[in-house]
C-alpha atoms as a PDB file:
ATOM      1  CA  MET A   1     -11.606  -7.583  22.367  1.00  0.00           C
ATOM      2  CA  VAL A   2      -9.205  -8.072  19.463  1.00  0.00           C
ATOM      3  CA  ILE A   3      -5.915  -6.182  19.301  1.00  0.00           C
ATOM      4  CA  VAL A   4      -4.196  -5.914  15.919  1.00  0.00           C
ATOM      5  CA  ARG A   5      -0.519  -5.042  15.801  1.00  0.00           C
ATOM      6  CA  ILE A   6       0.421  -2.204  13.441  1.00  0.00           C
ATOM      7  CA  LEU A   7       4.027  -2.183  12.214  1.00  0.00           C
ATOM      8  CA  GLY A   8       5.999  -1.477   9.038  1.00  0.00           C
ATOM      9  CA  GLY A   9       5.833   1.199   6.384  1.00  0.00           C
ATOM     10  CA  LEU A  10       2.725   3.086   5.325  1.00  0.00           C
ATOM     11  CA  GLY A  11       1.538   0.432   2.867  1.00  0.00           C
ATOM     12  CA  ASN A  12       1.819  -2.366   5.426  1.00  0.00           C
ATOM     13  CA  GLN A  13       0.093  -0.249   8.061  1.00  0.00           C
ATOM     14  CA  MET A  14      -2.797   0.245   5.631  1.00  0.00           C
ATOM     15  CA  PHE A  15      -3.117  -3.515   5.058  1.00  0.00           C
ATOM     16  CA  GLN A  16      -3.184  -4.116   8.804  1.00  0.00           C
ATOM     17  CA  TYR A  17      -5.711  -1.373   9.404  1.00  0.00           C
ATOM     18  CA  ALA A  18      -7.939  -2.634   6.581  1.00  0.00           C
ATOM     19  CA  TYR A  19      -7.922  -6.097   8.163  1.00  0.00           C
ATOM     20  CA  ALA A  20      -8.734  -4.608  11.582  1.00  0.00           C
ATOM     21  CA  LYS A  21     -11.548  -2.487  10.158  1.00  0.00           C
ATOM     22  CA  MET A  22     -13.027  -5.552   8.468  1.00  0.00           C
ATOM     23  CA  LEU A  23     -13.138  -7.284  11.873  1.00  0.00           C
ATOM     24  CA  VAL A  24     -15.089  -4.327  13.246  1.00  0.00           C
ATOM     25  CA  GLN A  25     -17.647  -4.728  10.469  1.00  0.00           C
ATOM     26  CA  LYS A  26     -18.042  -8.334  11.572  1.00  0.00           C
ATOM     27  CA  GLY A  27     -18.936  -7.206  15.083  1.00  0.00           C
ATOM     28  CA  PHE A  28     -15.611  -7.413  16.917  1.00  0.00           C
ATOM     29  CA  ASN A  29     -14.341  -4.773  19.321  1.00  0.00           C
ATOM     30  CA  VAL A  30     -10.952  -3.977  17.787  1.00  0.00           C
ATOM     31  CA  GLN A  31      -8.116  -1.737  18.892  1.00  0.00           C
ATOM     32  CA  LEU A  32      -4.675  -1.104  17.421  1.00  0.00           C
ATOM     33  CA  ASP A  33      -1.322  -1.756  19.057  1.00  0.00           C
ATOM     34  CA  ILE A  34       1.193   0.786  17.793  1.00  0.00           C
ATOM     35  CA  SER A  35       3.663   0.321  20.663  1.00  0.00           C
ATOM     36  CA  GLY A  36       6.189  -1.316  18.343  1.00  0.00           C
ATOM     37  CA  PHE A  37       6.947   2.039  16.753  1.00  0.00           C
ATOM     38  CA  LYS A  38       8.774   3.099  19.894  1.00  0.00           C
ATOM     39  CA  ASN A  39      11.780   1.153  18.626  1.00  0.00           C
ATOM     40  CA  TYR A  40      10.886   1.002  14.925  1.00  0.00           C
ATOM     41  CA  LYS A  41      12.454   3.927  13.100  1.00  0.00           C
ATOM     42  CA  LEU A  42      12.151   2.797   9.472  1.00  0.00           C
ATOM     43  CA  HIS A  43       9.851   4.309   6.826  1.00  0.00           C
ATOM     44  CA  GLY A  44       8.864   7.335   8.900  1.00  0.00           C
ATOM     45  CA  GLY A  45       7.285   5.444  11.794  1.00  0.00           C
ATOM     46  CA  TYR A  46       3.552   5.412  12.472  1.00  0.00           C
ATOM     47  CA  GLN A  47       1.641   7.025   9.597  1.00  0.00           C
ATOM     48  CA  LEU A  48      -2.036   6.089   9.863  1.00  0.00           C
ATOM     49  CA  ASN A  49      -2.868   9.103  12.018  1.00  0.00           C
ATOM     50  CA  LYS A  50      -2.657  11.242   8.882  1.00  0.00           C
ATOM     51  CA  TYR A  51      -5.769   9.522   7.555  1.00  0.00           C
ATOM     52  CA  LYS A  52      -9.391   9.861   8.661  1.00  0.00           C
ATOM     53  CA  ILE A  53      -9.378   6.561  10.525  1.00  0.00           C
ATOM     54  CA  ASP A  54     -11.545   5.840  13.543  1.00  0.00           C
ATOM     55  CA  LEU A  55     -10.146   2.767  15.317  1.00  0.00           C
ATOM     56  CA  LYS A  56      -8.779   3.415  18.786  1.00  0.00           C
ATOM     57  CA  GLN A  57      -5.287   2.625  19.969  1.00  0.00           C
ATOM     58  CA  ALA A  58      -4.938   0.056  22.737  1.00  0.00           C
ATOM     59  CA  ASN A  59      -3.529   1.541  25.925  1.00  0.00           C
ATOM     60  CA  LYS A  60      -0.378   0.229  27.567  1.00  0.00           C
ATOM     61  CA  ALA A  61      -2.303  -1.883  30.072  1.00  0.00           C
ATOM     62  CA  LYS A  62      -4.225  -3.750  27.374  1.00  0.00           C
ATOM     63  CA  VAL A  63      -1.081  -4.319  25.331  1.00  0.00           C
ATOM     64  CA  LEU A  64       0.688  -5.642  28.446  1.00  0.00           C
ATOM     65  CA  LEU A  65      -2.201  -8.003  29.213  1.00  0.00           C
ATOM     66  CA  SER A  66      -2.093  -9.282  25.641  1.00  0.00           C
ATOM     67  CA  LYS A  67       1.572 -10.136  26.034  1.00  0.00           C
ATOM     68  CA  ILE A  68       1.225 -12.074  29.294  1.00  0.00           C
ATOM     69  CA  ASN A  69      -1.293 -14.562  27.950  1.00  0.00           C
ATOM     70  CA  PHE A  70      -4.540 -12.857  28.913  1.00  0.00           C
ATOM     71  CA  PHE A  71      -5.101 -12.756  25.156  1.00  0.00           C
ATOM     72  CA  ARG A  72      -4.705 -15.634  22.742  1.00  0.00           C
ATOM     73  CA  SER A  73      -1.814 -14.774  20.437  1.00  0.00           C
ATOM     74  CA  LEU A  74      -2.355 -15.366  16.725  1.00  0.00           C
ATOM     75  CA  LYS A  75       0.237 -14.901  14.024  1.00  0.00           C
ATOM     76  CA  GLU A  76      -0.261 -15.007  10.290  1.00  0.00           C
ATOM     77  CA  LYS A  77       1.219 -18.298   9.068  1.00  0.00           C
ATOM     78  CA  ASN A  78       2.061 -17.116   5.550  1.00  0.00           C
ATOM     79  CA  LEU A  79       1.073 -14.442   3.043  1.00  0.00           C
ATOM     80  CA  ARG A  80      -1.995 -16.258   1.739  1.00  0.00           C
ATOM     81  CA  TYR A  81      -5.567 -15.592   2.838  1.00  0.00           C
ATOM     82  CA  ASP A  82      -6.323 -17.422   6.071  1.00  0.00           C
ATOM     83  CA  GLU A  83     -10.008 -17.757   6.957  1.00  0.00           C
ATOM     84  CA  SER A  84      -9.139 -18.625  10.560  1.00  0.00           C
ATOM     85  CA  LEU A  85      -7.929 -15.030  11.025  1.00  0.00           C
ATOM     86  CA  ILE A  86     -11.463 -13.741  10.555  1.00  0.00           C
ATOM     87  CA  SER A  87     -13.111 -16.505  12.597  1.00  0.00           C
ATOM     88  CA  LEU A  88     -12.107 -15.141  15.972  1.00  0.00           C
ATOM     89  CA  LYS A  89     -13.748 -15.506  19.377  1.00  0.00           C
ATOM     90  CA  GLY A  90     -12.422 -12.391  21.077  1.00  0.00           C
ATOM     91  CA  ASN A  91      -9.510 -11.651  23.394  1.00  0.00           C
ATOM     92  CA  GLU A  92      -6.989 -12.254  20.650  1.00  0.00           C
ATOM     93  CA  TYR A  93      -3.786 -10.417  19.830  1.00  0.00           C
ATOM     94  CA  VAL A  94      -3.156 -10.706  16.079  1.00  0.00           C
ATOM     95  CA  LYS A  95       0.082 -10.127  14.176  1.00  0.00           C
ATOM     96  CA  GLY A  96       0.469 -10.229  10.412  1.00  0.00           C
ATOM     97  CA  TYR A  97       0.582  -8.278   7.165  1.00  0.00           C
ATOM     98  CA  PHE A  98      -2.744  -9.412   5.635  1.00  0.00           C
ATOM     99  CA  GLN A  99      -1.559  -8.577   2.131  1.00  0.00           C
ATOM    100  CA  THR A 100      -4.579  -9.623   0.115  1.00  0.00           C
ATOM    101  CA  GLU A 101      -7.800  -7.785  -0.582  1.00  0.00           C
ATOM    102  CA  LYS A 102      -9.678 -10.977   0.270  1.00  0.00           C
ATOM    103  CA  TYR A 103      -9.637  -9.782   3.887  1.00  0.00           C
ATOM    104  CA  PHE A 104     -11.328  -6.442   3.218  1.00  0.00           C
ATOM    105  CA  LYS A 105     -12.642  -6.167  -0.350  1.00  0.00           C
ATOM    106  CA  GLU A 106     -16.213  -6.163   0.945  1.00  0.00           C
ATOM    107  CA  ILE A 107     -15.624  -2.926   2.883  1.00  0.00           C
ATOM    108  CA  ARG A 108     -13.935  -1.079   0.009  1.00  0.00           C
ATOM    109  CA  ASN A 109     -16.256   1.945   0.230  1.00  0.00           C
ATOM    110  CA  ILE A 110     -15.502   2.372   3.934  1.00  0.00           C
ATOM    111  CA  LEU A 111     -11.765   2.215   3.314  1.00  0.00           C
ATOM    112  CA  LEU A 112     -12.004   4.707   0.444  1.00  0.00           C
ATOM    113  CA  GLU A 113     -13.523   7.152   2.921  1.00  0.00           C
ATOM    114  CA  GLN A 114     -11.117   6.468   5.769  1.00  0.00           C
ATOM    115  CA  PHE A 115      -7.920   6.460   3.715  1.00  0.00           C
ATOM    116  CA  THR A 116      -8.476  10.146   2.985  1.00  0.00           C
ATOM    117  CA  ILE A 117      -5.731  12.621   3.873  1.00  0.00           C
ATOM    118  CA  ASP A 118      -6.443  14.524   7.083  1.00  0.00           C
ATOM    119  CA  PHE A 119      -3.985  17.405   6.727  1.00  0.00           C
ATOM    120  CA  ASN A 120      -3.201  20.303   4.409  1.00  0.00           C
ATOM    121  CA  ILE A 121      -1.337  19.063   1.358  1.00  0.00           C
ATOM    122  CA  GLU A 122       1.686  20.789  -0.165  1.00  0.00           C
ATOM    123  CA  GLU A 123       1.284  23.329  -2.963  1.00  0.00           C
ATOM    124  CA  THR A 124       3.361  21.126  -5.252  1.00  0.00           C
ATOM    125  CA  THR A 125       0.929  18.281  -4.650  1.00  0.00           C
ATOM    126  CA  LYS A 126      -1.939  20.559  -5.669  1.00  0.00           C
ATOM    127  CA  GLU A 127      -0.051  21.402  -8.860  1.00  0.00           C
ATOM    128  CA  TYR A 128       0.378  17.709  -9.719  1.00  0.00           C
ATOM    129  CA  ILE A 129      -3.320  17.121  -8.996  1.00  0.00           C
ATOM    130  CA  THR A 130      -4.146  19.802 -11.551  1.00  0.00           C
ATOM    131  CA  GLN A 131      -1.766  18.278 -14.105  1.00  0.00           C
ATOM    132  CA  ILE A 132      -3.271  14.817 -13.680  1.00  0.00           C
ATOM    133  CA  SER A 133      -6.825  16.135 -13.959  1.00  0.00           C
ATOM    134  CA  GLU A 134      -5.987  17.967 -17.182  1.00  0.00           C
ATOM    135  CA  LYS A 135      -4.800  14.809 -18.952  1.00  0.00           C
ATOM    136  CA  ALA A 136      -7.318  12.799 -20.930  1.00  0.00           C
ATOM    137  CA  VAL A 137      -5.544   9.564 -19.955  1.00  0.00           C
ATOM    138  CA  SER A 138      -2.987   9.309 -17.166  1.00  0.00           C
ATOM    139  CA  CYS A 139      -1.028   6.386 -15.767  1.00  0.00           C
ATOM    140  CA  SER A 140       1.032   6.296 -12.600  1.00  0.00           C
ATOM    141  CA  LEU A 141       4.267   4.316 -12.643  1.00  0.00           C
ATOM    142  CA  HIS A 142       6.126   3.510  -9.437  1.00  0.00           C
ATOM    143  CA  ILE A 143       9.732   2.380  -9.147  1.00  0.00           C
ATOM    144  CA  ARG A 144      10.782   1.206  -5.690  1.00  0.00           C
ATOM    145  CA  ARG A 145      14.515   1.185  -5.034  1.00  0.00           C
ATOM    146  CA  GLY A 146      15.736   2.472  -1.654  1.00  0.00           C
ATOM    147  CA  ASP A 147      16.190  -0.405   0.807  1.00  0.00           C
ATOM    148  CA  TYR A 148      15.219  -2.919  -1.915  1.00  0.00           C
ATOM    149  CA  VAL A 149      18.615  -2.089  -3.440  1.00  0.00           C
ATOM    150  CA  SER A 150      20.773  -0.940  -0.524  1.00  0.00           C
ATOM    151  CA  ASP A 151      19.733  -3.467   2.126  1.00  0.00           C
ATOM    152  CA  LYS A 152      20.816  -7.073   1.486  1.00  0.00           C
ATOM    153  CA  LYS A 153      18.021  -8.561   3.577  1.00  0.00           C
ATOM    154  CA  SER A 154      15.306  -6.536   1.841  1.00  0.00           C
ATOM    155  CA  ASN A 155      16.802  -7.331  -1.554  1.00  0.00           C
ATOM    156  CA  SER A 156      16.851 -11.060  -0.792  1.00  0.00           C
ATOM    157  CA  VAL A 157      13.151 -10.961   0.133  1.00  0.00           C
ATOM    158  CA  HIS A 158      11.768  -8.556  -2.453  1.00  0.00           C
ATOM    159  CA  GLY A 159      14.260  -8.052  -5.255  1.00  0.00           C
ATOM    160  CA  THR A 160      13.485  -5.206  -7.649  1.00  0.00           C
ATOM    161  CA  CYS A 161      11.325  -4.985 -10.747  1.00  0.00           C
ATOM    162  CA  SER A 162      13.404  -5.041 -13.918  1.00  0.00           C
ATOM    163  CA  LEU A 163      13.467  -2.280 -16.492  1.00  0.00           C
ATOM    164  CA  GLU A 164      12.074  -4.863 -18.902  1.00  0.00           C
ATOM    165  CA  TYR A 165       8.993  -5.198 -16.689  1.00  0.00           C
ATOM    166  CA  TYR A 166       8.356  -1.459 -16.867  1.00  0.00           C
ATOM    167  CA  LYS A 167       8.975  -1.270 -20.608  1.00  0.00           C
ATOM    168  CA  ASN A 168       6.499  -4.111 -21.221  1.00  0.00           C
ATOM    169  CA  ALA A 169       3.943  -2.530 -18.915  1.00  0.00           C
ATOM    170  CA  ILE A 170       4.270   0.821 -20.676  1.00  0.00           C
ATOM    171  CA  SER A 171       3.803  -0.895 -24.060  1.00  0.00           C
ATOM    172  CA  ILE A 172       0.591  -2.563 -22.874  1.00  0.00           C
ATOM    173  CA  ILE A 173      -0.845   0.725 -21.615  1.00  0.00           C
ATOM    174  CA  LYS A 174       0.069   2.492 -24.871  1.00  0.00           C
ATOM    175  CA  GLU A 175      -1.510  -0.267 -26.947  1.00  0.00           C
ATOM    176  CA  LYS A 176      -4.764  -0.054 -24.977  1.00  0.00           C
ATOM    177  CA  TYR A 177      -5.005   3.739 -24.770  1.00  0.00           C
ATOM    178  CA  LYS A 178      -3.994   6.704 -26.925  1.00  0.00           C
ATOM    179  CA  ASN A 179      -2.173   9.828 -25.780  1.00  0.00           C
ATOM    180  CA  VAL A 180      -1.264   8.485 -22.346  1.00  0.00           C
ATOM    181  CA  SER A 181       0.596  10.751 -19.947  1.00  0.00           C
ATOM    182  CA  PHE A 182       2.755   8.879 -17.446  1.00  0.00           C
ATOM    183  CA  PHE A 183       3.303  10.208 -13.938  1.00  0.00           C
ATOM    184  CA  VAL A 184       6.434   8.579 -12.565  1.00  0.00           C
ATOM    185  CA  PHE A 185       7.029   8.109  -8.826  1.00  0.00           C
ATOM    186  CA  SER A 186      10.185   6.779  -7.207  1.00  0.00           C
ATOM    187  CA  ASP A 187      12.329   7.023  -4.096  1.00  0.00           C
ATOM    188  CA  ASP A 188      15.247   7.430  -6.529  1.00  0.00           C
ATOM    189  CA  ILE A 189      13.854   9.772  -9.148  1.00  0.00           C
ATOM    190  CA  SER A 190      17.253  10.725 -10.627  1.00  0.00           C
ATOM    191  CA  TRP A 191      18.086   7.055 -11.300  1.00  0.00           C
ATOM    192  CA  THR A 192      14.673   6.620 -12.875  1.00  0.00           C
ATOM    193  CA  LYS A 193      15.114   9.594 -15.194  1.00  0.00           C
ATOM    194  CA  ASN A 194      18.466   8.236 -16.358  1.00  0.00           C
ATOM    195  CA  ASN A 195      17.397   4.637 -16.843  1.00  0.00           C
ATOM    196  CA  LEU A 196      13.790   4.723 -18.004  1.00  0.00           C
ATOM    197  CA  PRO A 197      13.205   7.336 -20.712  1.00  0.00           C
ATOM    198  CA  ILE A 198       9.474   7.691 -21.363  1.00  0.00           C
ATOM    199  CA  LYS A 199       7.644   9.909 -23.808  1.00  0.00           C
ATOM    200  CA  ASN A 200       4.892  12.060 -22.321  1.00  0.00           C
ATOM    201  CA  ALA A 201       6.279  11.518 -18.827  1.00  0.00           C
ATOM    202  CA  PHE A 202       6.037  13.728 -15.764  1.00  0.00           C
ATOM    203  CA  PHE A 203       8.550  12.805 -13.077  1.00  0.00           C
ATOM    204  CA  VAL A 204       6.970  13.573  -9.723  1.00  0.00           C
ATOM    205  CA  ASP A 205       9.846  15.183  -7.880  1.00  0.00           C
ATOM    206  CA  HIS A 206       8.960  17.132  -4.747  1.00  0.00           C
ATOM    207  CA  LYS A 207       9.150  16.993  -0.982  1.00  0.00           C
ATOM    208  CA  CYS A 208       5.914  15.908   0.629  1.00  0.00           C
ATOM    209  CA  SER A 209       4.305  13.353   2.909  1.00  0.00           C
ATOM    210  CA  PRO A 210       4.228   9.866   1.325  1.00  0.00           C
ATOM    211  CA  HIS A 211       0.435   9.989   1.689  1.00  0.00           C
ATOM    212  CA  GLU A 212       0.378  12.742  -0.928  1.00  0.00           C
ATOM    213  CA  ASP A 213       2.228  10.730  -3.566  1.00  0.00           C
ATOM    214  CA  LEU A 214       0.032   7.727  -2.835  1.00  0.00           C
ATOM    215  CA  HIS A 215      -3.012   9.974  -3.321  1.00  0.00           C
ATOM    216  CA  LEU A 216      -1.627  11.264  -6.619  1.00  0.00           C
ATOM    217  CA  MET A 217      -1.221   7.691  -7.857  1.00  0.00           C
ATOM    218  CA  SER A 218      -4.842   6.964  -7.004  1.00  0.00           C
ATOM    219  CA  LEU A 219      -6.001   9.927  -9.110  1.00  0.00           C
ATOM    220  CA  CYS A 220      -4.434   8.575 -12.297  1.00  0.00           C
ATOM    221  CA  THR A 221      -6.644   6.779 -14.811  1.00  0.00           C
ATOM    222  CA  HIS A 222      -4.454   3.666 -14.768  1.00  0.00           C
ATOM    223  CA  ASN A 223      -1.548   2.343 -12.695  1.00  0.00           C
ATOM    224  CA  ILE A 224       1.721   0.435 -13.060  1.00  0.00           C
ATOM    225  CA  THR A 225       2.921  -0.727  -9.653  1.00  0.00           C
ATOM    226  CA  ALA A 226       6.232  -1.901  -8.257  1.00  0.00           C
ATOM    227  CA  ASN A 227       6.384  -4.930  -5.947  1.00  0.00           C
ATOM    228  CA  SER A 228       5.599  -2.469  -3.192  1.00  0.00           C
ATOM    229  CA  SER A 229       2.626  -2.172  -0.851  1.00  0.00           C
ATOM    230  CA  PHE A 230       2.920   1.593  -1.310  1.00  0.00           C
ATOM    231  CA  SER A 231       2.007   1.624  -4.996  1.00  0.00           C
ATOM    232  CA  TRP A 232      -0.364  -1.316  -4.418  1.00  0.00           C
ATOM    233  CA  TRP A 233      -2.525   1.007  -2.339  1.00  0.00           C
ATOM    234  CA  GLY A 234      -2.130   3.838  -4.834  1.00  0.00           C
ATOM    235  CA  ALA A 235      -3.661   1.524  -7.433  1.00  0.00           C
ATOM    236  CA  TRP A 236      -6.272  -0.106  -5.177  1.00  0.00           C
ATOM    237  CA  LEU A 237      -7.643   3.276  -4.078  1.00  0.00           C
ATOM    238  CA  ASN A 238      -8.043   4.368  -7.714  1.00  0.00           C
ATOM    239  CA  LYS A 239     -11.792   4.942  -8.118  1.00  0.00           C
ATOM    240  CA  ASN A 240     -11.832   4.615 -11.917  1.00  0.00           C
ATOM    241  CA  GLU A 241     -14.057   1.600 -12.604  1.00  0.00           C
ATOM    242  CA  GLN A 242     -12.446   1.106 -16.030  1.00  0.00           C
ATOM    243  CA  LYS A 243      -8.869   1.236 -14.772  1.00  0.00           C
ATOM    244  CA  THR A 244      -6.101  -1.019 -16.009  1.00  0.00           C
ATOM    245  CA  ILE A 245      -3.580  -1.972 -13.339  1.00  0.00           C
ATOM    246  CA  ILE A 246      -0.348  -3.776 -14.135  1.00  0.00           C
ATOM    247  CA  ALA A 247       1.653  -5.419 -11.351  1.00  0.00           C
ATOM    248  CA  PRO A 248       4.660  -7.760 -11.191  1.00  0.00           C
ATOM    249  CA  LYS A 249       3.733 -11.440 -11.032  1.00  0.00           C
ATOM    250  CA  GLN A 250       6.771 -12.086  -8.824  1.00  0.00           C
ATOM    251  CA  TRP A 251       6.072  -9.904  -5.809  1.00  0.00           C
ATOM    252  CA  TYR A 252       8.503 -11.718  -3.535  1.00  0.00           C
ATOM    253  CA  ILE A 253      11.528 -13.745  -4.583  1.00  0.00           C
ATOM    254  CA  SER A 254      10.406 -16.927  -2.840  1.00  0.00           C
ATOM    255  CA  LYS A 255       7.330 -16.278  -0.673  1.00  0.00           C
ATOM    256  CA  GLU A 256       3.964 -17.428  -1.994  1.00  0.00           C
ATOM    257  CA  ASN A 257       1.331 -14.718  -1.805  1.00  0.00           C
ATOM    258  CA  GLU A 258      -2.025 -13.509  -3.083  1.00  0.00           C
ATOM    259  CA  ILE A 259      -1.324  -9.805  -3.051  1.00  0.00           C
ATOM    260  CA  VAL A 260      -2.140  -9.049  -6.701  1.00  0.00           C
ATOM    261  CA  PRO A 261      -5.934  -8.996  -7.247  1.00  0.00           C
ATOM    262  CA  LYS A 262      -7.323 -11.222  -9.999  1.00  0.00           C
ATOM    263  CA  ASN A 263      -8.483  -8.309 -12.149  1.00  0.00           C
ATOM    264  CA  TRP A 264      -4.988  -6.795 -12.358  1.00  0.00           C
ATOM    265  CA  ILE A 265      -2.601  -7.704 -15.178  1.00  0.00           C
ATOM    266  CA  LYS A 266       0.426  -9.676 -13.952  1.00  0.00           C
ATOM    267  CA  LEU A 267       3.712  -9.370 -15.851  1.00  0.00           C
END
């Protein structure tokens, strides 16, 4: 058996689940350890249960056994693809973020099915879905502030995307496509309205589950992401085969990574 630890915000949980699901496709018996959420109160806690996932959670006994050396403990060494993390023998407890599609690109169709909302969405979300569907060309744009700004540790790791990045990304989308409608998402929507004026923009401002905003992003024709796993998944789950996705080339301030797929535009 392989146990994969799930921890972090929704985007990170999705990366970890995608990695775990890929192991299942390779023949491993995989369960999830979500026990860390007992003391982890950030980002709304455990969120995967709102999707149509099918991996089981490891019970307390199995998690305990994994922590007293009945399982070989493996930890992701860095944020680059590591082939050793898919060449397992069984009875491993694996911790990491697995932030590259190289781990699970081959099971994309399975993940598209499983990362489907499993609850009744808000009426406002339905209204935004209608608005997006009515536009000939739509582009989501995500600005992540929150703890990236207020928390010194998070800011030192991630930083924030500059307004110049967004302005350049918007220009590229406008040059490639005519009559684009931008749907703007942010955890600080008032700041965004005041600092990034955009023509033909719809500022998505409502109270809903984060899964709903992520879903709305995926429905847009094209995507502009922040250096955030949240909007990364909004873009990756976009089913438009002709989509243009723009992402920041500097995802972390100093950590090397392979999070941005090769077919996305890096700015």
